[in-house]
Amino acid sequence: MDWQTIFKEIEDKLMPHFRCDVWERGLYYYLLRHTRIAGLDATTIPLSAISGTLGCSESQARKSIRSLAEKGCIELEQTRKGHYVKVFLPNELSLPSVQEQPALNIEEIDFFKNREYLDVLLKREQNQCFYCLREIKEDSCELDHVVSQLNVGDNGYRNIVASCHQCNTKKQGGSAEDFIRQLSRKNLLSEKEFEGRIQALEALKAGQIKPEINR
């Protein structure tokens, strides 16, 4: 058997189709290990062995194995020695083919809503405030509109940056370039850093520094 392909189909087709929870997922792989991978068509497994392996109560184990049977992932028969189980592989089930997800259009993504893309913005900014270059983290940074919403600034990657709370508060709806100049005048940016921030701002607006999205 081509187990590499089988495992891929389990993850890409079987698990999503049947919406298996964490217990069902672990149980399916456990049963698969003791049947098909071991060269057996089926086997008898005590409920105590299942609960012990999964680290759950026998009640949870019983619930999960019955759920897998109801979904059609396994064939189940209760005997005096335990549960007689036959595990079905993805190609033995009537599963819909995997449809490729349409590629994300970065120009259409809302980078502000729900902070969903905060991680990729932080990576783009190298975990530094876009304005003052202070180190920032996910739990302490803000998402800032380079051109404020009052000035019709959108939520695209060209206009949303990760910043520290202080810069976000002080800049408010003002000009990003003016704010960077203020930071320089207050010696919060060196001359080299100031020039770098102005260049970064121009590159941002031109769409030259896109966040990397692997979704």
N, C-alpha and C. Protein backbone atom coordinates (compact mmCIF):
# COMPACT_ATOMS: atom_id res chain seq x y z
N MET A 1 0.83 -1.21 0.00
CA MET A 1 0.00 0.00 0.00
C MET A 1 0.87 1.26 0.00
N ASP A 2 0.39 2.27 -0.67
CA ASP A 2 1.08 3.56 -0.70
C ASP A 2 0.59 4.38 0.48
N TRP A 3 1.26 4.20 1.63
CA TRP A 3 0.78 4.84 2.85
C TRP A 3 0.93 6.36 2.81
N GLN A 4 1.89 6.85 2.08
CA GLN A 4 2.05 8.31 1.97
C GLN A 4 0.79 8.92 1.34
N THR A 5 0.30 8.29 0.28
CA THR A 5 -0.92 8.77 -0.37
C THR A 5 -2.13 8.58 0.53
N ILE A 6 -2.17 7.43 1.22
CA ILE A 6 -3.30 7.14 2.11
C ILE A 6 -3.40 8.17 3.23
N PHE A 7 -2.26 8.47 3.87
CA PHE A 7 -2.28 9.45 4.97
C PHE A 7 -2.67 10.83 4.46
N LYS A 8 -2.22 11.16 3.26
CA LYS A 8 -2.60 12.45 2.68
C LYS A 8 -4.11 12.52 2.46
N GLU A 9 -4.69 11.42 1.96
CA GLU A 9 -6.14 11.39 1.72
C GLU A 9 -6.92 11.39 3.03
N ILE A 10 -6.35 10.79 4.06
CA ILE A 10 -7.01 10.82 5.37
C ILE A 10 -7.14 12.26 5.86
N GLU A 11 -6.03 13.01 5.75
CA GLU A 11 -6.03 14.39 6.23
C GLU A 11 -6.80 15.33 5.31
N ASP A 12 -6.68 15.13 4.00
CA ASP A 12 -7.29 16.05 3.05
C ASP A 12 -8.75 15.75 2.75
N LYS A 13 -9.14 14.50 2.89
CA LYS A 13 -10.51 14.11 2.52
C LYS A 13 -11.33 13.59 3.70
N LEU A 14 -10.83 12.50 4.31
CA LEU A 14 -11.64 11.81 5.33
C LEU A 14 -11.93 12.68 6.55
N MET A 15 -10.88 13.22 7.16
CA MET A 15 -11.07 14.01 8.39
C MET A 15 -11.95 15.25 8.17
N PRO A 16 -11.70 16.04 7.13
CA PRO A 16 -12.57 17.21 6.90
C PRO A 16 -14.01 16.82 6.56
N HIS A 17 -14.18 15.75 5.77
CA HIS A 17 -15.52 15.35 5.34
C HIS A 17 -16.38 14.93 6.53
N PHE A 18 -15.79 14.14 7.43
CA PHE A 18 -16.55 13.64 8.58
C PHE A 18 -16.46 14.56 9.79
N ARG A 19 -15.68 15.62 9.67
CA ARG A 19 -15.53 16.60 10.76
C ARG A 19 -15.16 15.90 12.07
N CYS A 20 -14.13 15.10 12.01
CA CYS A 20 -13.70 14.33 13.18
C CYS A 20 -13.10 15.26 14.24
N ASP A 21 -13.52 15.06 15.48
CA ASP A 21 -12.94 15.85 16.57
C ASP A 21 -11.62 15.21 16.99
N VAL A 22 -10.98 15.79 17.99
CA VAL A 22 -9.64 15.33 18.38
C VAL A 22 -9.66 13.89 18.87
N TRP A 23 -10.73 13.47 19.55
CA TRP A 23 -10.83 12.09 20.04
C TRP A 23 -11.02 11.12 18.88
N GLU A 24 -11.90 11.47 17.97
CA GLU A 24 -12.16 10.61 16.81
C GLU A 24 -10.93 10.49 15.92
N ARG A 25 -10.23 11.59 15.77
CA ARG A 25 -9.00 11.59 14.96
C ARG A 25 -7.96 10.64 15.56
N GLY A 26 -7.71 10.81 16.86
CA GLY A 26 -6.73 9.94 17.53
C GLY A 26 -7.15 8.48 17.49
N LEU A 27 -8.44 8.24 17.68
CA LEU A 27 -8.95 6.87 17.68
C LEU A 27 -8.84 6.24 16.30
N TYR A 28 -9.15 6.99 15.27
CA TYR A 28 -9.07 6.44 13.91
C TYR A 28 -7.64 5.98 13.62
N TYR A 29 -6.66 6.82 13.94
CA TYR A 29 -5.27 6.45 13.68
C TYR A 29 -4.84 5.27 14.55
N TYR A 30 -5.33 5.20 15.78
CA TYR A 30 -5.01 4.08 16.67
C TYR A 30 -5.56 2.78 16.10
N LEU A 31 -6.80 2.81 15.65
CA LEU A 31 -7.42 1.62 15.08
C LEU A 31 -6.75 1.24 13.76
N LEU A 32 -6.38 2.25 12.98
CA LEU A 32 -5.69 2.00 11.72
C LEU A 32 -4.36 1.30 11.96
N ARG A 33 -3.65 1.74 13.00
CA ARG A 33 -2.35 1.14 13.34
C ARG A 33 -2.49 -0.34 13.68
N HIS A 34 -3.57 -0.70 14.36
CA HIS A 34 -3.73 -2.08 14.83
C HIS A 34 -4.52 -2.95 13.86
N THR A 35 -4.89 -2.39 12.72
CA THR A 35 -5.58 -3.20 11.71
C THR A 35 -4.84 -3.14 10.38
N ARG A 36 -5.14 -2.18 9.56
CA ARG A 36 -4.62 -2.15 8.20
C ARG A 36 -3.09 -2.02 8.14
N ILE A 37 -2.53 -1.19 8.98
CA ILE A 37 -1.07 -1.03 8.97
C ILE A 37 -0.39 -2.31 9.43
N ALA A 38 -1.05 -3.04 10.33
CA ALA A 38 -0.51 -4.31 10.82
C ALA A 38 -0.80 -5.47 9.88
N GLY A 39 -1.44 -5.17 8.76
CA GLY A 39 -1.75 -6.21 7.79
C GLY A 39 -3.02 -6.99 8.07
N LEU A 40 -3.85 -6.45 8.98
CA LEU A 40 -5.10 -7.12 9.35
C LEU A 40 -6.28 -6.40 8.73
N ASP A 41 -7.28 -7.17 8.34
CA ASP A 41 -8.49 -6.56 7.81
C ASP A 41 -9.34 -6.00 8.95
N ALA A 42 -9.30 -6.69 10.09
CA ALA A 42 -10.06 -6.27 11.27
C ALA A 42 -9.43 -6.89 12.51
N THR A 43 -9.81 -6.40 13.67
CA THR A 43 -9.28 -6.95 14.92
C THR A 43 -10.23 -6.63 16.06
N THR A 44 -10.04 -7.32 17.18
CA THR A 44 -10.85 -7.06 18.38
C THR A 44 -10.01 -6.29 19.38
N ILE A 45 -10.53 -5.17 19.84
CA ILE A 45 -9.80 -4.31 20.77
C ILE A 45 -10.68 -3.99 21.97
N PRO A 46 -10.20 -4.26 23.20
CA PRO A 46 -10.97 -3.93 24.41
C PRO A 46 -11.12 -2.42 24.57
N LEU A 47 -12.22 -2.01 25.13
CA LEU A 47 -12.45 -0.58 25.35
C LEU A 47 -11.41 0.01 26.28
N SER A 48 -10.95 -0.80 27.24
CA SER A 48 -9.94 -0.32 28.20
C SER A 48 -8.63 0.03 27.50
N ALA A 49 -8.29 -0.74 26.46
CA ALA A 49 -7.06 -0.46 25.71
C ALA A 49 -7.18 0.86 24.95
N ILE A 50 -8.37 1.11 24.43
CA ILE A 50 -8.60 2.36 23.69
C ILE A 50 -8.51 3.56 24.61
N SER A 51 -9.21 3.49 25.75
CA SER A 51 -9.21 4.61 26.69
C SER A 51 -7.82 4.85 27.26
N GLY A 52 -7.08 3.75 27.51
CA GLY A 52 -5.73 3.89 28.05
C GLY A 52 -4.79 4.56 27.06
N THR A 53 -4.90 4.20 25.81
CA THR A 53 -4.04 4.79 24.78
C THR A 53 -4.37 6.25 24.52
N LEU A 54 -5.66 6.57 24.47
CA LEU A 54 -6.08 7.94 24.20
C LEU A 54 -6.01 8.84 25.43
N GLY A 55 -5.88 8.22 26.61
CA GLY A 55 -5.84 9.00 27.83
C GLY A 55 -7.18 9.63 28.17
N CYS A 56 -8.25 8.87 27.93
CA CYS A 56 -9.60 9.37 28.22
C CYS A 56 -10.39 8.32 28.98
N SER A 57 -11.58 8.67 29.42
CA SER A 57 -12.43 7.72 30.13
C SER A 57 -12.99 6.69 29.15
N GLU A 58 -13.44 5.56 29.69
CA GLU A 58 -14.06 4.55 28.83
C GLU A 58 -15.35 5.09 28.21
N SER A 59 -16.01 5.98 28.93
CA SER A 59 -17.23 6.59 28.40
C SER A 59 -16.92 7.40 27.14
N GLN A 60 -15.83 8.18 27.19
CA GLN A 60 -15.42 8.96 26.03
C GLN A 60 -14.97 8.05 24.89
N ALA A 61 -14.24 6.99 25.23
CA ALA A 61 -13.78 6.05 24.21
C ALA A 61 -14.97 5.38 23.52
N ARG A 62 -15.96 5.00 24.32
CA ARG A 62 -17.17 4.36 23.76
C ARG A 62 -17.92 5.33 22.85
N LYS A 63 -18.03 6.57 23.29
CA LYS A 63 -18.71 7.59 22.50
C LYS A 63 -18.00 7.82 21.16
N SER A 64 -16.68 7.88 21.20
CA SER A 64 -15.90 8.16 19.99
C SER A 64 -15.94 7.01 19.00
N ILE A 65 -15.84 5.78 19.50
CA ILE A 65 -15.83 4.63 18.58
C ILE A 65 -17.20 4.44 17.94
N ARG A 66 -18.25 4.73 18.69
CA ARG A 66 -19.60 4.66 18.13
C ARG A 66 -19.81 5.76 17.09
N SER A 67 -19.25 6.92 17.36
CA SER A 67 -19.37 8.04 16.43
C SER A 67 -18.67 7.73 15.10
N LEU A 68 -17.48 7.13 15.19
CA LEU A 68 -16.76 6.75 13.97
C LEU A 68 -17.56 5.72 13.16
N ALA A 69 -18.23 4.82 13.89
CA ALA A 69 -19.04 3.80 13.21
C ALA A 69 -20.26 4.44 12.54
N GLU A 70 -20.89 5.38 13.24
CA GLU A 70 -22.07 6.05 12.68
C GLU A 70 -21.70 6.88 11.45
N LYS A 71 -20.51 7.44 11.46
CA LYS A 71 -20.06 8.25 10.33
C LYS A 71 -19.63 7.39 9.14
N GLY A 72 -19.37 6.11 9.42
CA GLY A 72 -18.99 5.20 8.35
C GLY A 72 -17.49 5.01 8.19
N CYS A 73 -16.70 5.57 9.11
CA CYS A 73 -15.25 5.42 9.03
C CYS A 73 -14.80 4.01 9.38
N ILE A 74 -15.57 3.35 10.23
CA ILE A 74 -15.25 1.99 10.66
C ILE A 74 -16.51 1.15 10.67
N GLU A 75 -16.30 -0.17 10.70
CA GLU A 75 -17.40 -1.11 10.90
C GLU A 75 -17.21 -1.70 12.28
N LEU A 76 -18.24 -1.70 13.08
CA LEU A 76 -18.11 -2.04 14.49
C LEU A 76 -19.07 -3.13 14.91
N GLU A 77 -18.53 -4.09 15.68
CA GLU A 77 -19.37 -5.15 16.25
C GLU A 77 -18.89 -5.42 17.67
N GLN A 78 -19.78 -5.33 18.63
CA GLN A 78 -19.41 -5.54 20.02
C GLN A 78 -19.45 -7.02 20.36
N THR A 79 -18.36 -7.52 20.96
CA THR A 79 -18.27 -8.92 21.37
C THR A 79 -17.90 -8.99 22.85
N ARG A 80 -17.84 -10.22 23.38
CA ARG A 80 -17.48 -10.38 24.79
C ARG A 80 -16.03 -9.95 25.05
N LYS A 81 -15.19 -10.07 24.05
CA LYS A 81 -13.78 -9.73 24.22
C LYS A 81 -13.48 -8.25 23.96
N GLY A 82 -14.46 -7.55 23.44
CA GLY A 82 -14.24 -6.14 23.14
C GLY A 82 -14.94 -5.74 21.86
N HIS A 83 -14.43 -4.71 21.22
CA HIS A 83 -15.02 -4.22 19.99
C HIS A 83 -14.29 -4.81 18.78
N TYR A 84 -15.04 -5.50 17.94
CA TYR A 84 -14.48 -6.04 16.70
C TYR A 84 -14.57 -4.92 15.66
N VAL A 85 -13.42 -4.47 15.20
CA VAL A 85 -13.36 -3.25 14.38
C VAL A 85 -12.71 -3.50 13.02
N LYS A 86 -13.34 -2.99 12.00
CA LYS A 86 -12.76 -2.95 10.66
C LYS A 86 -12.67 -1.48 10.26
N VAL A 87 -11.49 -1.06 9.87
CA VAL A 87 -11.26 0.34 9.52
C VAL A 87 -11.26 0.51 8.00
N PHE A 88 -11.98 1.52 7.54
CA PHE A 88 -12.05 1.80 6.11
C PHE A 88 -11.04 2.88 5.73
N LEU A 89 -10.39 2.68 4.61
CA LEU A 89 -9.47 3.68 4.07
C LEU A 89 -10.25 4.67 3.21
N PRO A 90 -9.70 5.85 2.98
CA PRO A 90 -10.42 6.86 2.19
C PRO A 90 -10.92 6.37 0.84
N ASN A 91 -10.10 5.56 0.14
CA ASN A 91 -10.50 5.09 -1.20
C ASN A 91 -11.58 4.01 -1.15
N GLU A 92 -11.94 3.58 0.07
CA GLU A 92 -13.00 2.60 0.23
C GLU A 92 -14.32 3.27 0.62
N LEU A 93 -14.28 4.57 0.73
CA LEU A 93 -15.45 5.35 1.11
C LEU A 93 -15.84 6.29 -0.03
N SER A 94 -17.09 6.68 -0.04
CA SER A 94 -17.55 7.62 -1.07
C SER A 94 -17.32 9.04 -0.59
N LEU A 95 -16.11 9.52 -0.82
CA LEU A 95 -15.73 10.86 -0.37
C LEU A 95 -15.63 11.79 -1.58
N PRO A 96 -16.09 13.02 -1.42
CA PRO A 96 -15.98 13.98 -2.53
C PRO A 96 -14.52 14.31 -2.78
N SER A 97 -14.19 14.62 -4.01
CA SER A 97 -12.82 14.99 -4.34
C SER A 97 -12.49 16.32 -3.70
N VAL A 98 -11.22 16.49 -3.38
CA VAL A 98 -10.78 17.73 -2.74
C VAL A 98 -10.78 18.86 -3.76
N GLN A 99 -11.48 19.91 -3.43
CA GLN A 99 -11.52 21.08 -4.31
C GLN A 99 -10.45 22.07 -3.87
N GLU A 100 -9.66 22.50 -4.83
CA GLU A 100 -8.62 23.46 -4.50
C GLU A 100 -9.24 24.78 -4.08
N GLN A 101 -8.70 25.32 -2.99
CA GLN A 101 -9.17 26.61 -2.52
C GLN A 101 -8.65 27.70 -3.45
N PRO A 102 -9.49 28.64 -3.82
CA PRO A 102 -9.02 29.71 -4.69
C PRO A 102 -7.90 30.50 -4.02
N ALA A 103 -6.93 30.88 -4.81
CA ALA A 103 -5.80 31.63 -4.28
C ALA A 103 -6.27 32.98 -3.72
N LEU A 104 -5.68 33.36 -2.59
CA LEU A 104 -6.04 34.64 -1.99
C LEU A 104 -5.52 35.78 -2.85
N ASN A 105 -6.36 36.77 -3.05
CA ASN A 105 -5.93 37.98 -3.74
C ASN A 105 -5.54 39.00 -2.67
N ILE A 106 -4.25 39.21 -2.54
CA ILE A 106 -3.76 40.07 -1.46
C ILE A 106 -4.32 41.48 -1.54
N GLU A 107 -4.69 41.92 -2.72
CA GLU A 107 -5.22 43.26 -2.89
C GLU A 107 -6.63 43.38 -2.30
N GLU A 108 -7.29 42.26 -2.07
CA GLU A 108 -8.67 42.29 -1.57
C GLU A 108 -8.78 41.94 -0.09
N ILE A 109 -7.66 41.61 0.54
CA ILE A 109 -7.69 41.17 1.94
C ILE A 109 -7.81 42.36 2.89
N ASP A 110 -8.67 42.19 3.90
CA ASP A 110 -8.81 43.18 4.97
C ASP A 110 -7.79 42.84 6.05
N PHE A 111 -6.74 43.61 6.15
CA PHE A 111 -5.66 43.34 7.11
C PHE A 111 -5.92 43.95 8.49
N PHE A 112 -7.04 44.62 8.64
CA PHE A 112 -7.34 45.27 9.92
C PHE A 112 -8.36 44.48 10.74
N LYS A 113 -9.34 43.90 10.08
CA LYS A 113 -10.46 43.24 10.75
C LYS A 113 -10.00 42.08 11.63
N ASN A 114 -10.38 42.14 12.90
CA ASN A 114 -10.15 41.07 13.87
C ASN A 114 -8.67 40.71 14.07
N ARG A 115 -7.77 41.56 13.60
CA ARG A 115 -6.32 41.30 13.75
C ARG A 115 -5.92 39.94 13.18
N GLU A 116 -6.68 39.47 12.21
CA GLU A 116 -6.47 38.13 11.66
C GLU A 116 -5.10 37.96 11.01
N TYR A 117 -4.59 39.03 10.43
CA TYR A 117 -3.31 38.94 9.72
C TYR A 117 -2.19 39.66 10.47
N LEU A 118 -2.36 39.79 11.78
CA LEU A 118 -1.36 40.47 12.59
C LEU A 118 -0.01 39.77 12.50
N ASP A 119 -0.02 38.44 12.49
CA ASP A 119 1.24 37.70 12.48
C ASP A 119 2.08 38.00 11.24
N VAL A 120 1.43 38.07 10.09
CA VAL A 120 2.20 38.33 8.86
C VAL A 120 2.65 39.78 8.77
N LEU A 121 1.87 40.68 9.37
CA LEU A 121 2.29 42.09 9.40
C LEU A 121 3.48 42.27 10.33
N LEU A 122 3.45 41.58 11.45
CA LEU A 122 4.59 41.64 12.38
C LEU A 122 5.85 41.10 11.71
N LYS A 123 5.68 40.02 10.97
CA LYS A 123 6.82 39.43 10.27
C LYS A 123 7.36 40.41 9.24
N ARG A 124 6.46 41.08 8.53
CA ARG A 124 6.90 42.07 7.54
C ARG A 124 7.67 43.19 8.21
N GLU A 125 7.18 43.62 9.37
CA GLU A 125 7.81 44.72 10.10
C GLU A 125 8.99 44.24 10.95
N GLN A 126 9.31 42.95 10.89
CA GLN A 126 10.41 42.35 11.65
C GLN A 126 10.24 42.58 13.15
N ASN A 127 8.98 42.48 13.60
CA ASN A 127 8.64 42.64 15.02
C ASN A 127 9.09 43.98 15.58
N GLN A 128 9.03 45.00 14.74
CA GLN A 128 9.36 46.36 15.16
C GLN A 128 8.22 47.30 14.79
N CYS A 129 8.03 48.31 15.61
CA CYS A 129 7.03 49.33 15.30
C CYS A 129 7.40 49.97 13.96
N PHE A 130 6.45 50.09 13.08
CA PHE A 130 6.72 50.64 11.75
C PHE A 130 7.28 52.06 11.83
N TYR A 131 6.90 52.79 12.88
CA TYR A 131 7.30 54.20 12.98
C TYR A 131 8.59 54.41 13.77
N CYS A 132 8.65 53.89 14.99
CA CYS A 132 9.80 54.20 15.85
C CYS A 132 10.80 53.05 15.97
N LEU A 133 10.48 51.91 15.38
CA LEU A 133 11.35 50.73 15.37
C LEU A 133 11.50 50.07 16.73
N ARG A 134 10.63 50.43 17.66
CA ARG A 134 10.65 49.77 18.97
C ARG A 134 10.17 48.33 18.80
N GLU A 135 10.73 47.41 19.58
CA GLU A 135 10.32 46.01 19.50
C GLU A 135 8.87 45.86 19.95
N ILE A 136 8.10 45.09 19.20
CA ILE A 136 6.69 44.87 19.55
C ILE A 136 6.36 43.39 19.45
N LYS A 137 5.29 43.00 20.15
CA LYS A 137 4.82 41.62 20.13
C LYS A 137 3.32 41.61 19.85
N GLU A 138 2.81 40.43 19.54
CA GLU A 138 1.40 40.30 19.18
C GLU A 138 0.47 40.84 20.26
N ASP A 139 0.80 40.56 21.53
CA ASP A 139 -0.12 40.93 22.61
C ASP A 139 0.03 42.38 23.05
N SER A 140 0.99 43.10 22.49
CA SER A 140 1.19 44.48 22.95
C SER A 140 1.20 45.51 21.82
N CYS A 141 1.02 45.07 20.58
CA CYS A 141 1.10 46.03 19.47
C CYS A 141 -0.29 46.43 18.98
N GLU A 142 -0.31 47.41 18.11
CA GLU A 142 -1.56 47.91 17.53
C GLU A 142 -1.48 47.83 16.01
N LEU A 143 -2.64 47.80 15.38
CA LEU A 143 -2.70 47.92 13.93
C LEU A 143 -3.05 49.37 13.61
N ASP A 144 -2.24 49.99 12.80
CA ASP A 144 -2.40 51.42 12.54
C ASP A 144 -2.66 51.68 11.06
N HIS A 145 -3.58 52.62 10.80
CA HIS A 145 -3.84 53.06 9.43
C HIS A 145 -2.84 54.16 9.08
N VAL A 146 -2.01 53.93 8.07
CA VAL A 146 -1.06 54.95 7.63
C VAL A 146 -1.82 56.19 7.20
N VAL A 147 -2.81 56.01 6.36
CA VAL A 147 -3.77 57.08 6.05
C VAL A 147 -5.02 56.76 6.85
N SER A 148 -5.41 57.66 7.73
CA SER A 148 -6.50 57.37 8.66
C SER A 148 -7.82 57.07 7.95
N GLN A 149 -8.69 56.38 8.68
CA GLN A 149 -10.01 56.07 8.13
C GLN A 149 -10.81 57.34 7.86
N LEU A 150 -10.57 58.38 8.67
CA LEU A 150 -11.25 59.66 8.46
C LEU A 150 -10.85 60.28 7.12
N ASN A 151 -9.64 59.95 6.69
CA ASN A 151 -9.16 60.45 5.39
C ASN A 151 -9.31 59.39 4.30
N VAL A 152 -10.26 58.50 4.52
CA VAL A 152 -10.61 57.46 3.56
C VAL A 152 -9.48 56.46 3.33
N GLY A 153 -8.72 56.20 4.37
CA GLY A 153 -7.69 55.16 4.27
C GLY A 153 -8.34 53.78 4.36
N ASP A 154 -7.89 52.84 3.54
CA ASP A 154 -8.52 51.52 3.54
C ASP A 154 -7.79 50.55 4.47
N ASN A 155 -8.20 49.28 4.42
CA ASN A 155 -7.62 48.26 5.29
C ASN A 155 -6.67 47.33 4.54
N GLY A 156 -6.15 47.79 3.41
CA GLY A 156 -5.24 46.97 2.62
C GLY A 156 -3.83 46.94 3.19
N TYR A 157 -3.01 46.04 2.66
CA TYR A 157 -1.64 45.88 3.16
C TYR A 157 -0.78 47.12 2.92
N ARG A 158 -1.19 47.98 1.99
CA ARG A 158 -0.44 49.21 1.72
C ARG A 158 -0.72 50.29 2.76
N ASN A 159 -1.74 50.06 3.59
CA ASN A 159 -2.16 51.11 4.52
C ASN A 159 -2.22 50.65 5.97
N ILE A 160 -2.07 49.36 6.24
CA ILE A 160 -2.11 48.85 7.60
C ILE A 160 -0.72 48.40 8.02
N VAL A 161 -0.25 48.92 9.15
CA VAL A 161 1.06 48.53 9.67
C VAL A 161 0.92 48.16 11.14
N ALA A 162 1.91 47.44 11.63
CA ALA A 162 1.97 47.11 13.06
C ALA A 162 2.80 48.19 13.75
N SER A 163 2.27 48.70 14.85
CA SER A 163 2.98 49.77 15.56
C SER A 163 2.88 49.54 17.06
N CYS A 164 3.69 50.27 17.80
CA CYS A 164 3.59 50.21 19.25
C CYS A 164 2.37 51.04 19.68
N HIS A 165 1.93 50.82 20.89
CA HIS A 165 0.73 51.51 21.38
C HIS A 165 0.97 53.02 21.45
N GLN A 166 2.17 53.41 21.85
CA GLN A 166 2.48 54.83 22.00
C GLN A 166 2.41 55.57 20.67
N CYS A 167 2.99 55.00 19.62
CA CYS A 167 2.96 55.66 18.31
C CYS A 167 1.54 55.68 17.75
N ASN A 168 0.81 54.61 17.97
CA ASN A 168 -0.57 54.55 17.50
C ASN A 168 -1.41 55.65 18.14
N THR A 169 -1.17 55.87 19.43
CA THR A 169 -1.93 56.88 20.17
C THR A 169 -1.54 58.30 19.76
N LYS A 170 -0.24 58.54 19.60
CA LYS A 170 0.23 59.89 19.29
C LYS A 170 -0.03 60.29 17.84
N LYS A 171 0.09 59.35 16.94
CA LYS A 171 -0.12 59.68 15.53
C LYS A 171 -1.58 59.97 15.24
N GLN A 172 -2.46 59.17 15.82
CA GLN A 172 -3.90 59.29 15.62
C GLN A 172 -4.23 59.40 14.12
N GLY A 173 -4.91 60.46 13.71
CA GLY A 173 -5.31 60.58 12.31
C GLY A 173 -4.38 61.43 11.48
N GLY A 174 -3.20 61.74 12.04
CA GLY A 174 -2.27 62.62 11.32
C GLY A 174 -1.52 61.93 10.19
N SER A 175 -0.71 62.71 9.50
CA SER A 175 0.09 62.21 8.39
C SER A 175 1.21 61.31 8.92
N ALA A 176 1.40 60.16 8.29
CA ALA A 176 2.45 59.24 8.69
C ALA A 176 3.83 59.87 8.49
N GLU A 177 4.01 60.56 7.38
CA GLU A 177 5.31 61.19 7.11
C GLU A 177 5.61 62.28 8.13
N ASP A 178 4.61 63.09 8.45
CA ASP A 178 4.81 64.14 9.46
C ASP A 178 5.14 63.53 10.81
N PHE A 179 4.49 62.43 11.14
CA PHE A 179 4.73 61.79 12.43
C PHE A 179 6.16 61.25 12.50
N ILE A 180 6.63 60.65 11.42
CA ILE A 180 8.00 60.14 11.39
C ILE A 180 9.00 61.29 11.54
N ARG A 181 8.69 62.43 10.95
CA ARG A 181 9.56 63.61 11.09
C ARG A 181 9.57 64.09 12.54
N GLN A 182 8.42 64.03 13.21
CA GLN A 182 8.35 64.41 14.62
C GLN A 182 9.25 63.50 15.46
N LEU A 183 9.21 62.22 15.17
CA LEU A 183 10.05 61.27 15.92
C LEU A 183 11.53 61.59 15.72
N SER A 184 11.88 61.99 14.51
CA SER A 184 13.27 62.35 14.21
C SER A 184 13.68 63.61 14.96
N ARG A 185 12.79 64.61 14.97
CA ARG A 185 13.09 65.87 15.66
C ARG A 185 13.26 65.66 17.16
N LYS A 186 12.56 64.68 17.70
CA LYS A 186 12.66 64.38 19.13
C LYS A 186 13.79 63.40 19.44
N ASN A 187 14.63 63.14 18.41
CA ASN A 187 15.77 62.23 18.54
C ASN A 187 15.36 60.80 18.91
N LEU A 188 14.16 60.44 18.51
CA LEU A 188 13.70 59.07 18.74
C LEU A 188 14.08 58.18 17.56
N LEU A 189 14.55 58.82 16.49
CA LEU A 189 15.08 58.11 15.33
C LEU A 189 16.39 58.76 14.94
N SER A 190 17.40 57.95 14.61
CA SER A 190 18.65 58.52 14.11
C SER A 190 18.42 58.99 12.67
N GLU A 191 19.37 59.70 12.12
CA GLU A 191 19.22 60.19 10.75
C GLU A 191 19.06 59.02 9.78
N LYS A 192 19.85 57.97 10.00
CA LYS A 192 19.77 56.79 9.13
C LYS A 192 18.42 56.10 9.28
N GLU A 193 17.94 56.01 10.52
CA GLU A 193 16.64 55.37 10.76
C GLU A 193 15.51 56.19 10.15
N PHE A 194 15.63 57.52 10.26
CA PHE A 194 14.62 58.41 9.68
C PHE A 194 14.53 58.20 8.17
N GLU A 195 15.68 58.20 7.51
CA GLU A 195 15.69 58.00 6.06
C GLU A 195 15.11 56.63 5.70
N GLY A 196 15.43 55.63 6.52
CA GLY A 196 14.91 54.29 6.28
C GLY A 196 13.41 54.22 6.42
N ARG A 197 12.86 54.96 7.41
CA ARG A 197 11.41 54.95 7.64
C ARG A 197 10.67 55.67 6.51
N ILE A 198 11.25 56.76 6.01
CA ILE A 198 10.63 57.48 4.89
C ILE A 198 10.63 56.60 3.64
N GLN A 199 11.73 55.90 3.41
CA GLN A 199 11.81 55.00 2.26
C GLN A 199 10.82 53.84 2.41
N ALA A 200 10.71 53.33 3.63
CA ALA A 200 9.77 52.23 3.88
C ALA A 200 8.34 52.68 3.66
N LEU A 201 8.04 53.91 4.07
CA LEU A 201 6.69 54.46 3.87
C LEU A 201 6.36 54.57 2.39
N GLU A 202 7.32 55.05 1.61
CA GLU A 202 7.10 55.18 0.17
C GLU A 202 6.93 53.80 -0.48
N ALA A 203 7.75 52.85 -0.04
CA ALA A 203 7.67 51.49 -0.58
C ALA A 203 6.35 50.83 -0.20
N LEU A 204 5.89 51.11 1.01
CA LEU A 204 4.61 50.56 1.48
C LEU A 204 3.47 51.05 0.61
N LYS A 205 3.42 52.35 0.38
CA LYS A 205 2.34 52.93 -0.42
C LYS A 205 2.38 52.44 -1.86
N ALA A 206 3.59 52.12 -2.34
CA ALA A 206 3.74 51.64 -3.72
C ALA A 206 3.46 50.15 -3.84
N GLY A 207 3.19 49.51 -2.70
CA GLY A 207 2.90 48.07 -2.72
C GLY A 207 4.13 47.21 -2.90
N GLN A 208 5.29 47.74 -2.53
CA GLN A 208 6.54 47.01 -2.75
C GLN A 208 6.94 46.12 -1.58
N ILE A 209 6.30 46.29 -0.42
CA ILE A 209 6.62 45.42 0.72
C ILE A 209 5.35 44.70 1.15
N LYS A 210 5.10 43.60 0.48
CA LYS A 210 3.90 42.82 0.75
C LYS A 210 4.15 41.81 1.87
N PRO A 211 3.18 41.60 2.75
CA PRO A 211 3.31 40.55 3.76
C PRO A 211 3.21 39.18 3.09
N GLU A 212 3.94 38.21 3.62
CA GLU A 212 3.92 36.86 3.06
C GLU A 212 2.78 36.07 3.70
N ILE A 213 1.86 35.62 2.88
CA ILE A 213 0.70 34.88 3.38
C ILE A 213 0.76 33.45 2.88
N ASN A 214 0.83 32.51 3.82
CA ASN A 214 0.84 31.09 3.46
C ASN A 214 -0.43 30.45 3.98
N ARG A 215 -1.57 30.72 3.34
CA ARG A 215 -2.87 30.23 3.80
C ARG A 215 -3.66 29.71 2.63
